[in-house]
Amino acid sequence: MFVIFTVICKMVFSIIRILKNIKDDLLDIISPKVCLSCGKHIKSETEDLICSECLADLSRVDFYKNDENVITELLDNQDCRIEYGCAFLRFQKGENTQQILHNIKYYNHPELGLKLGRIAGYQLKRYNRFSDVDFIIPVPMHPKKQKKRGFNQAERIAVGLSEILKIPIREGILEKVINTKSQTKMDKKQRLNNSRQAFGFAKNIETQDIENKHFLIVDDVFTTGSTMRVCASLLKKHLPNCKVSIFALAKA
């Protein structure tokens, strides 16, 4: 009896495995998984959104490994005085990092921002970065632009970080009050003036529970630092006893 039962179980498991393979093959034909970096077909069940080769080929910066780095130095000035700043990837035109970030931002793949946020989170945790941060603040997007795009890429990256670092996200403190144009063709001074006009501290917000907290501002790309600088300055101005750190997924 036991032998018969064992044979039947093996047959059932074999049938289930065959049906699963058929289902996977059909899904692969109808909606094939492709790498959002190189465009190649992803066949491995363990890979998602980005193939292992492209993940390994991502151009990383080692800022998060060091107490001193160019981002912290750039924003360590009187008007914002951050605690610590770093980035995870290097953004260069023509490289796969650009392709990946453009896929997040312009080609409707917010889940890719979430994935990269998690990957960065593991590295930040490994080097004990931001362990004393109380809240993560994603750089806000203007409501009209967010409605049009459907998501805020900085918020998706922040959610990935939050899941790994176990730091809650706190939105509604900063807001983007002007729907500005792209800053890609602006110089450093123009970017700073543009950001100063665009962002504000939320009105009628209760500050008692956030006055002495440490905030981590998160954005997708750090170019000149204008956006981060303005956001940090706003927090410092309205919450004089707070601390501010910053993280960008990539440094241009």
Protein backbone atom coordinates (compact mmCIF):
# COMPACT_ATOMS: atom_id res chain seq x y z
CA MET A 1 0.00 0.00 0.00
CA PHE A 2 2.81 2.39 0.93
CA VAL A 3 4.61 1.66 -2.36
CA ILE A 4 1.44 2.42 -4.35
CA PHE A 5 0.92 5.67 -2.42
CA THR A 6 4.54 6.69 -3.12
CA VAL A 7 4.18 5.98 -6.83
CA ILE A 8 0.93 7.98 -7.01
CA CYS A 9 2.56 10.95 -5.20
CA LYS A 10 5.47 10.92 -7.64
CA MET A 11 3.09 10.86 -10.57
CA VAL A 12 1.07 13.78 -9.16
CA PHE A 13 4.20 15.85 -8.57
CA SER A 14 5.42 15.06 -12.08
CA ILE A 15 2.11 16.17 -13.59
CA ILE A 16 2.17 19.40 -11.53
CA ARG A 17 5.74 20.09 -12.70
CA ILE A 18 4.78 19.48 -16.34
CA LEU A 19 1.73 21.75 -16.07
CA LYS A 20 3.84 24.48 -14.46
CA ASN A 21 6.40 24.23 -17.26
CA ILE A 22 3.63 24.48 -19.85
CA LYS A 23 2.18 27.52 -18.08
CA ASP A 24 5.62 29.19 -17.90
CA ASP A 25 6.26 28.48 -21.58
CA LEU A 26 2.88 29.96 -22.56
CA LEU A 27 3.49 33.07 -20.47
CA ASP A 28 6.93 33.36 -22.00
CA ILE A 29 5.38 33.36 -25.47
CA ILE A 30 2.53 35.74 -24.64
CA SER A 31 4.48 38.13 -22.43
CA PRO A 32 8.22 37.38 -22.49
CA LYS A 33 10.42 38.77 -19.74
CA VAL A 34 13.16 41.01 -21.08
CA CYS A 35 16.03 42.80 -19.37
CA LEU A 36 15.24 46.52 -19.13
CA SER A 37 18.91 47.29 -19.64
CA CYS A 38 20.12 45.17 -22.55
CA GLY A 39 16.75 44.03 -23.92
CA LYS A 40 17.69 40.35 -23.94
CA HIS A 41 15.21 37.63 -23.09
CA ILE A 42 15.25 36.60 -19.41
CA LYS A 43 14.73 32.86 -18.99
CA SER A 44 15.88 32.35 -15.42
CA GLU A 45 13.16 32.27 -12.75
CA THR A 46 15.49 33.98 -10.27
CA GLU A 47 16.02 37.03 -12.50
CA ASP A 48 13.53 39.84 -12.81
CA LEU A 49 13.57 43.19 -14.67
CA ILE A 50 17.38 43.18 -15.03
CA CYS A 51 19.48 40.19 -16.05
CA SER A 52 22.35 39.10 -13.80
CA GLU A 53 24.94 40.21 -16.36
CA CYS A 54 23.59 43.78 -16.46
CA LEU A 55 23.32 43.91 -12.68
CA ALA A 56 26.95 42.89 -12.38
CA ASP A 57 27.88 45.45 -15.04
CA LEU A 58 26.23 48.41 -13.29
CA SER A 59 28.73 51.22 -12.82
CA ARG A 60 28.83 51.73 -9.07
CA VAL A 61 30.47 54.41 -6.99
CA ASP A 62 32.00 53.58 -3.63
CA PHE A 63 30.75 56.73 -1.87
CA TYR A 64 28.64 54.73 0.59
CA LYS A 65 31.78 52.87 1.72
CA ASN A 66 33.53 56.05 2.86
CA ASP A 67 32.83 58.57 5.60
CA GLU A 68 34.03 61.35 3.31
CA ASN A 69 32.98 61.63 -0.31
CA VAL A 70 32.23 64.25 -2.94
CA ILE A 71 28.49 64.46 -2.21
CA THR A 72 28.95 65.12 1.48
CA GLU A 73 31.61 67.71 0.67
CA LEU A 74 29.43 69.48 -1.91
CA LEU A 75 26.53 69.90 0.52
CA ASP A 76 28.48 70.55 3.69
CA ASN A 77 27.94 74.29 3.76
CA GLN A 78 26.25 76.88 5.94
CA ASP A 79 22.81 76.87 4.38
CA CYS A 80 22.16 73.14 4.73
CA ARG A 81 24.99 71.38 6.68
CA ILE A 82 24.11 67.75 6.10
CA GLU A 83 25.20 64.85 8.28
CA TYR A 84 26.12 62.49 5.47
CA GLY A 85 25.44 62.03 1.77
CA CYS A 86 26.19 59.33 -0.78
CA ALA A 87 25.13 57.70 -4.04
CA PHE A 88 25.06 54.11 -5.27
CA LEU A 89 25.53 54.20 -9.05
CA ARG A 90 27.43 56.33 -11.55
CA PHE A 91 25.23 57.95 -14.20
CA GLN A 92 27.00 58.30 -17.54
CA LYS A 93 25.45 58.80 -20.94
CA GLY A 94 25.52 55.71 -23.11
CA GLU A 95 26.02 53.28 -20.21
CA ASN A 96 23.44 50.82 -18.92
CA THR A 97 22.83 52.96 -15.81
CA GLN A 98 21.35 55.65 -18.05
CA GLN A 99 19.15 53.09 -19.80
CA ILE A 100 17.91 51.72 -16.49
CA LEU A 101 17.14 55.14 -14.98
CA HIS A 102 15.37 56.25 -18.15
CA ASN A 103 13.30 53.07 -18.01
CA ILE A 104 12.19 53.99 -14.51
CA LYS A 105 11.48 57.62 -15.21
CA TYR A 106 10.24 57.83 -18.78
CA TYR A 107 9.10 54.33 -19.75
CA ASN A 108 6.77 53.52 -16.89
CA HIS A 109 8.76 50.99 -14.88
CA PRO A 110 8.41 52.14 -11.24
CA GLU A 111 9.00 48.54 -10.09
CA LEU A 112 12.58 48.91 -11.32
CA GLY A 113 13.10 51.85 -8.95
CA LEU A 114 11.80 49.69 -6.12
CA LYS A 115 14.20 46.87 -7.03
CA LEU A 116 17.24 49.15 -7.22
CA GLY A 117 16.23 50.81 -3.95
CA ARG A 118 16.29 47.41 -2.28
CA ILE A 119 19.67 46.51 -3.82
CA ALA A 120 21.15 49.82 -2.65
CA GLY A 121 19.56 49.31 0.75
CA TYR A 122 21.45 46.06 1.30
CA GLN A 123 24.76 47.81 0.60
CA LEU A 124 23.92 50.78 2.84
CA LYS A 125 22.96 48.38 5.61
CA ARG A 126 26.18 46.45 5.16
CA TYR A 127 28.20 49.62 5.77
CA ASN A 128 25.89 50.81 8.56
CA ARG A 129 24.80 53.96 6.72
CA PHE A 130 21.81 55.98 7.94
CA SER A 131 21.27 53.68 10.92
CA ASP A 132 20.20 56.62 13.10
CA VAL A 133 17.78 58.15 10.54
CA ASP A 134 14.20 58.54 11.77
CA PHE A 135 12.37 59.23 8.50
CA ILE A 136 12.98 58.98 4.76
CA ILE A 137 11.69 61.86 2.63
CA PRO A 138 11.56 61.24 -1.14
CA VAL A 139 12.07 64.44 -3.15
CA PRO A 140 8.49 65.48 -3.95
CA MET A 141 7.07 65.76 -7.45
CA HIS A 142 4.52 68.35 -8.50
CA PRO A 143 1.00 66.84 -8.29
CA LYS A 144 0.26 67.51 -11.98
CA LYS A 145 3.44 65.79 -13.13
CA GLN A 146 2.92 62.88 -10.76
CA LYS A 147 -0.66 62.43 -11.97
CA LYS A 148 0.57 62.42 -15.58
CA ARG A 149 3.43 60.00 -14.93
CA GLY A 150 1.51 57.87 -12.46
CA PHE A 151 4.28 57.68 -9.85
CA ASN A 152 7.20 59.52 -8.29
CA GLN A 153 10.44 57.68 -9.08
CA ALA A 154 12.14 59.07 -5.95
CA GLU A 155 9.30 57.65 -3.85
CA ARG A 156 9.69 54.19 -5.46
CA ILE A 157 13.42 54.18 -4.71
CA ALA A 158 12.66 55.37 -1.16
CA VAL A 159 10.20 52.51 -0.62
CA GLY A 160 12.89 50.00 -1.63
CA LEU A 161 15.33 51.55 0.82
CA SER A 162 12.68 51.65 3.54
CA GLU A 163 11.96 47.94 3.22
CA ILE A 164 15.60 47.00 3.78
CA LEU A 165 16.72 49.71 6.21
CA LYS A 166 13.46 49.54 8.21
CA ILE A 167 13.11 53.32 8.21
CA PRO A 168 9.59 54.72 7.72
CA ILE A 169 8.79 57.13 4.89
CA ARG A 170 7.39 60.52 5.82
CA GLU A 171 5.79 62.50 3.01
CA GLY A 172 3.87 65.77 3.21
CA ILE A 173 6.66 67.78 4.87
CA LEU A 174 8.17 69.13 1.68
CA GLU A 175 6.22 69.84 -1.47
CA LYS A 176 6.88 70.91 -5.02
CA VAL A 177 4.87 74.07 -5.49
CA ILE A 178 5.83 74.93 -9.08
CA ASN A 179 5.71 72.49 -11.96
CA THR A 180 9.14 73.36 -13.35
CA LYS A 181 10.63 72.30 -16.66
CA SER A 182 13.45 69.78 -16.94
CA GLN A 183 16.79 70.98 -15.57
CA THR A 184 18.93 68.86 -17.88
CA LYS A 185 20.10 71.83 -19.99
CA MET A 186 20.55 74.28 -17.09
CA ASP A 187 23.88 75.22 -15.53
CA LYS A 188 24.52 74.99 -11.79
CA LYS A 189 23.31 78.51 -10.98
CA GLN A 190 20.15 78.12 -13.05
CA ARG A 191 19.39 74.78 -11.41
CA LEU A 192 19.74 76.28 -7.93
CA ASN A 193 17.46 79.24 -8.72
CA ASN A 194 14.96 76.90 -10.35
CA SER A 195 14.91 74.60 -7.31
CA ARG A 196 14.56 77.49 -4.84
CA GLN A 197 11.38 78.59 -6.57
CA ALA A 198 10.02 75.08 -7.05
CA PHE A 199 10.08 73.61 -3.53
CA GLY A 200 8.44 74.65 -0.29
CA PHE A 201 7.79 73.54 3.27
CA ALA A 202 4.23 72.27 3.67
CA LYS A 203 1.83 74.78 5.21
CA ASN A 204 -0.20 74.07 8.35
CA ILE A 205 1.91 71.03 9.23
CA GLU A 206 2.28 70.04 12.90
CA THR A 207 6.01 69.99 13.66
CA GLN A 208 6.08 68.84 17.30
CA ASP A 209 6.71 65.18 16.44
CA ILE A 210 9.37 65.89 13.82
CA GLU A 211 11.32 68.78 15.33
CA ASN A 212 14.37 66.84 16.55
CA LYS A 213 14.42 64.06 13.98
CA HIS A 214 17.03 62.91 11.47
CA PHE A 215 15.74 62.93 7.89
CA LEU A 216 17.11 61.13 4.85
CA ILE A 217 16.23 62.91 1.59
CA VAL A 218 16.14 60.51 -1.38
CA ASP A 219 16.28 61.29 -5.11
CA ASP A 220 17.03 59.39 -8.30
CA VAL A 221 19.98 61.37 -9.72
CA PHE A 222 22.41 63.82 -8.12
CA THR A 223 23.82 66.21 -10.73
CA THR A 224 24.80 69.56 -9.19
CA GLY A 225 23.03 68.92 -5.89
CA SER A 226 20.68 71.91 -6.27
CA THR A 227 17.49 69.98 -5.51
CA MET A 228 18.99 68.24 -2.47
CA ARG A 229 20.51 71.47 -1.22
CA VAL A 230 17.21 73.35 -1.37
CA CYS A 231 15.27 70.51 0.27
CA ALA A 232 17.82 70.22 3.07
CA SER A 233 17.81 73.99 3.59
CA LEU A 234 14.03 74.06 3.87
CA LEU A 235 14.09 71.38 6.56
CA LYS A 236 16.82 73.22 8.46
CA LYS A 237 14.99 76.53 8.22
CA HIS A 238 11.64 75.24 9.52
CA LEU A 239 13.00 72.54 11.84
CA PRO A 240 16.17 74.13 13.27
CA ASN A 241 17.00 71.19 15.54
CA CYS A 242 16.66 68.47 12.91
CA LYS A 243 19.45 66.59 11.16
CA VAL A 244 19.54 65.91 7.43
CA SER A 245 21.30 63.30 5.30
CA ILE A 246 20.86 62.58 1.60
CA PHE A 247 20.97 59.63 -0.77
CA ALA A 248 20.81 59.56 -4.56
CA LEU A 249 20.49 56.34 -6.52
CA ALA A 250 23.02 57.70 -9.05
CA LYS A 251 25.63 60.46 -9.28
CA ALA A 252 25.95 62.16 -12.67
